[in-house]
Amino acid sequence: MAAFVQSGQRIPRRGEVGLTSSEIDNFESAGYVMSGNRHARMNAVRIRKENQVYTAEEKAALAMFNYEENKRKEAKILDDMKRLVHKTLGPDAGLDPVEEEG
């Protein structure tokens, strides 16, 4: 369903699965009623399903953003800890930040 929404095509309903979106549009423009196109209830279901697809895409994008932010924060905390250990124990402690990165 996400592929239909992303390409701007309507989601096929029951009985329309074998037809492409352009074929369905051609039939509708010729005067045929496809899968109860006049029913407000079916249109509401279609719109709700399209919104669910958008919501899933937004959730995936937000999850990726949060993952990158957490990764960046953890890297900063780890770097700060390395500097603190290096500063506290000195260079002869065996934890040189320059050697760890390389």
C-alpha atoms as a PDB file:
ATOM      1  CA  MET A   1       0.000   0.000   0.000  1.00  0.00           C
ATOM      2  CA  ALA A   2       2.885   2.336   0.734  1.00  0.00           C
ATOM      3  CA  ALA A   3       4.076   2.058  -2.869  1.00  0.00           C
ATOM      4  CA  PHE A   4       0.708   3.255  -4.168  1.00  0.00           C
ATOM      5  CA  VAL A   5       0.613   6.225  -1.796  1.00  0.00           C
ATOM      6  CA  GLN A   6       4.211   7.235  -2.509  1.00  0.00           C
ATOM      7  CA  SER A   7       3.622   7.211  -6.260  1.00  0.00           C
ATOM      8  CA  GLY A   8       0.409   9.225  -5.879  1.00  0.00           C
ATOM      9  CA  GLN A   9      -1.846   6.405  -7.054  1.00  0.00           C
ATOM     10  CA  ARG A  10      -5.032   5.324  -5.362  1.00  0.00           C
ATOM     11  CA  ILE A  11      -4.967   2.138  -3.313  1.00  0.00           C
ATOM     12  CA  PRO A  12      -6.858  -0.639  -5.122  1.00  0.00           C
ATOM     13  CA  ARG A  13      -9.870  -2.005  -3.307  1.00  0.00           C
ATOM     14  CA  ARG A  14     -11.340  -5.478  -3.295  1.00  0.00           C
ATOM     15  CA  GLY A  15     -11.970  -6.619  -6.864  1.00  0.00           C
ATOM     16  CA  GLU A  16      -9.587  -4.076  -8.368  1.00  0.00           C
ATOM     17  CA  VAL A  17      -6.339  -5.836  -7.513  1.00  0.00           C
ATOM     18  CA  GLY A  18      -5.720  -7.112 -11.061  1.00  0.00           C
ATOM     19  CA  LEU A  19      -6.050  -3.624 -12.538  1.00  0.00           C
ATOM     20  CA  THR A  20      -3.561  -0.775 -12.528  1.00  0.00           C
ATOM     21  CA  SER A  21      -4.435   2.634 -11.135  1.00  0.00           C
ATOM     22  CA  SER A  22      -4.548   4.136 -14.617  1.00  0.00           C
ATOM     23  CA  GLU A  23      -6.937   1.405 -15.822  1.00  0.00           C
ATOM     24  CA  ILE A  24      -9.212   2.027 -12.844  1.00  0.00           C
ATOM     25  CA  ASP A  25      -9.171   5.778 -13.561  1.00  0.00           C
ATOM     26  CA  ASN A  26     -10.048   5.079 -17.210  1.00  0.00           C
ATOM     27  CA  PHE A  27     -13.006   2.899 -16.194  1.00  0.00           C
ATOM     28  CA  GLU A  28     -14.220   5.517 -13.712  1.00  0.00           C
ATOM     29  CA  SER A  29     -13.942   8.312 -16.285  1.00  0.00           C
ATOM     30  CA  ALA A  30     -15.962   6.133 -18.704  1.00  0.00           C
ATOM     31  CA  GLY A  31     -18.765   6.062 -16.132  1.00  0.00           C
ATOM     32  CA  TYR A  32     -18.191   2.769 -14.343  1.00  0.00           C
ATOM     33  CA  VAL A  33     -18.437   2.711 -10.558  1.00  0.00           C
ATOM     34  CA  MET A  34     -15.469   0.821  -9.173  1.00  0.00           C
ATOM     35  CA  SER A  35     -15.908  -0.987  -5.834  1.00  0.00           C
ATOM     36  CA  GLY A  36     -18.571   1.302  -4.493  1.00  0.00           C
ATOM     37  CA  ASN A  37     -16.781   4.550  -5.207  1.00  0.00           C
ATOM     38  CA  ARG A  38     -19.960   6.410  -4.221  1.00  0.00           C
ATOM     39  CA  HIS A  39     -20.018   5.042  -0.687  1.00  0.00           C
ATOM     40  CA  ALA A  40     -18.812   7.526   1.898  1.00  0.00           C
ATOM     41  CA  ARG A  41     -17.951   4.687   4.256  1.00  0.00           C
ATOM     42  CA  MET A  42     -15.568   3.050   1.759  1.00  0.00           C
ATOM     43  CA  ASN A  43     -13.942   6.396   1.028  1.00  0.00           C
ATOM     44  CA  ALA A  44     -13.430   6.947   4.753  1.00  0.00           C
ATOM     45  CA  VAL A  45     -11.751   3.536   5.039  1.00  0.00           C
ATOM     46  CA  ARG A  46      -9.509   4.321   2.054  1.00  0.00           C
ATOM     47  CA  ILE A  47      -8.455   7.672   3.518  1.00  0.00           C
ATOM     48  CA  ARG A  48      -7.788   6.091   6.908  1.00  0.00           C
ATOM     49  CA  LYS A  49      -5.588   3.414   5.292  1.00  0.00           C
ATOM     50  CA  GLU A  50      -3.641   6.061   3.368  1.00  0.00           C
ATOM     51  CA  ASN A  51      -3.111   7.997   6.602  1.00  0.00           C
ATOM     52  CA  GLN A  52      -1.853   4.828   8.279  1.00  0.00           C
ATOM     53  CA  VAL A  53       0.753   4.478   5.532  1.00  0.00           C
ATOM     54  CA  TYR A  54       1.898   8.057   6.032  1.00  0.00           C
ATOM     55  CA  THR A  55       2.043   7.497   9.782  1.00  0.00           C
ATOM     56  CA  ALA A  56       4.228   4.409   9.309  1.00  0.00           C
ATOM     57  CA  GLU A  57       6.623   6.389   7.099  1.00  0.00           C
ATOM     58  CA  GLU A  58       6.776   9.202   9.639  1.00  0.00           C
ATOM     59  CA  LYS A  59       7.428   6.714  12.449  1.00  0.00           C
ATOM     60  CA  ALA A  60      10.303   5.162  10.507  1.00  0.00           C
ATOM     61  CA  ALA A  61      11.848   8.574   9.814  1.00  0.00           C
ATOM     62  CA  LEU A  62      11.497   9.600  13.462  1.00  0.00           C
ATOM     63  CA  ALA A  63      13.048   6.333  14.658  1.00  0.00           C
ATOM     64  CA  MET A  64      16.041   6.869  12.359  1.00  0.00           C
ATOM     65  CA  PHE A  65      16.450  10.453  13.576  1.00  0.00           C
ATOM     66  CA  ASN A  66      16.300   9.344  17.230  1.00  0.00           C
ATOM     67  CA  TYR A  67      18.828   6.579  16.562  1.00  0.00           C
ATOM     68  CA  GLU A  68      21.301   9.036  15.012  1.00  0.00           C
ATOM     69  CA  GLU A  69      20.813  11.516  17.880  1.00  0.00           C
ATOM     70  CA  ASN A  70      21.396   8.827  20.519  1.00  0.00           C
ATOM     71  CA  LYS A  71      24.466   7.598  18.663  1.00  0.00           C
ATOM     72  CA  ARG A  72      25.883  11.130  18.567  1.00  0.00           C
ATOM     73  CA  LYS A  73      25.172  11.688  22.285  1.00  0.00           C
ATOM     74  CA  GLU A  74      26.778   8.370  23.253  1.00  0.00           C
ATOM     75  CA  ALA A  75      29.876   9.184  21.200  1.00  0.00           C
ATOM     76  CA  LYS A  76      30.188  12.549  22.960  1.00  0.00           C
ATOM     77  CA  ILE A  77      29.782  10.954  26.414  1.00  0.00           C
ATOM     78  CA  LEU A  78      32.356   8.293  25.564  1.00  0.00           C
ATOM     79  CA  ASP A  79      34.797  10.933  24.329  1.00  0.00           C
ATOM     80  CA  ASP A  80      34.286  12.990  27.510  1.00  0.00           C
ATOM     81  CA  MET A  81      34.907   9.909  29.658  1.00  0.00           C
ATOM     82  CA  LYS A  82      38.113   9.108  27.766  1.00  0.00           C
ATOM     83  CA  ARG A  83      39.354  12.658  28.286  1.00  0.00           C
ATOM     84  CA  LEU A  84      38.476  12.524  31.988  1.00  0.00           C
ATOM     85  CA  VAL A  85      40.335   9.228  32.464  1.00  0.00           C
ATOM     86  CA  HIS A  86      43.313  10.547  30.519  1.00  0.00           C
ATOM     87  CA  LYS A  87      43.323  13.773  32.559  1.00  0.00           C
ATOM     88  CA  THR A  88      42.914  11.974  35.904  1.00  0.00           C
ATOM     89  CA  LEU A  89      45.310   9.071  35.423  1.00  0.00           C
ATOM     90  CA  GLY A  90      47.754  10.804  33.122  1.00  0.00           C
ATOM     91  CA  PRO A  91      49.323   9.705  29.864  1.00  0.00           C
ATOM     92  CA  ASP A  92      51.128   6.750  31.459  1.00  0.00           C
ATOM     93  CA  ALA A  93      47.802   5.039  32.266  1.00  0.00           C
ATOM     94  CA  GLY A  94      47.711   3.395  28.832  1.00  0.00           C
ATOM     95  CA  LEU A  95      44.494   5.109  27.738  1.00  0.00           C
ATOM     96  CA  ASP A  96      45.643   7.731  25.287  1.00  0.00           C
ATOM     97  CA  PRO A  97      42.599   9.148  23.389  1.00  0.00           C
ATOM     98  CA  VAL A  98      44.674   9.609  20.245  1.00  0.00           C
ATOM     99  CA  GLU A  99      45.686   5.933  20.224  1.00  0.00           C
ATOM    100  CA  GLU A 100      42.105   4.777  20.897  1.00  0.00           C
ATOM    101  CA  GLU A 101      40.680   6.628  17.882  1.00  0.00           C
ATOM    102  CA  GLY A 102      43.324   5.430  15.429  1.00  0.00           C
END
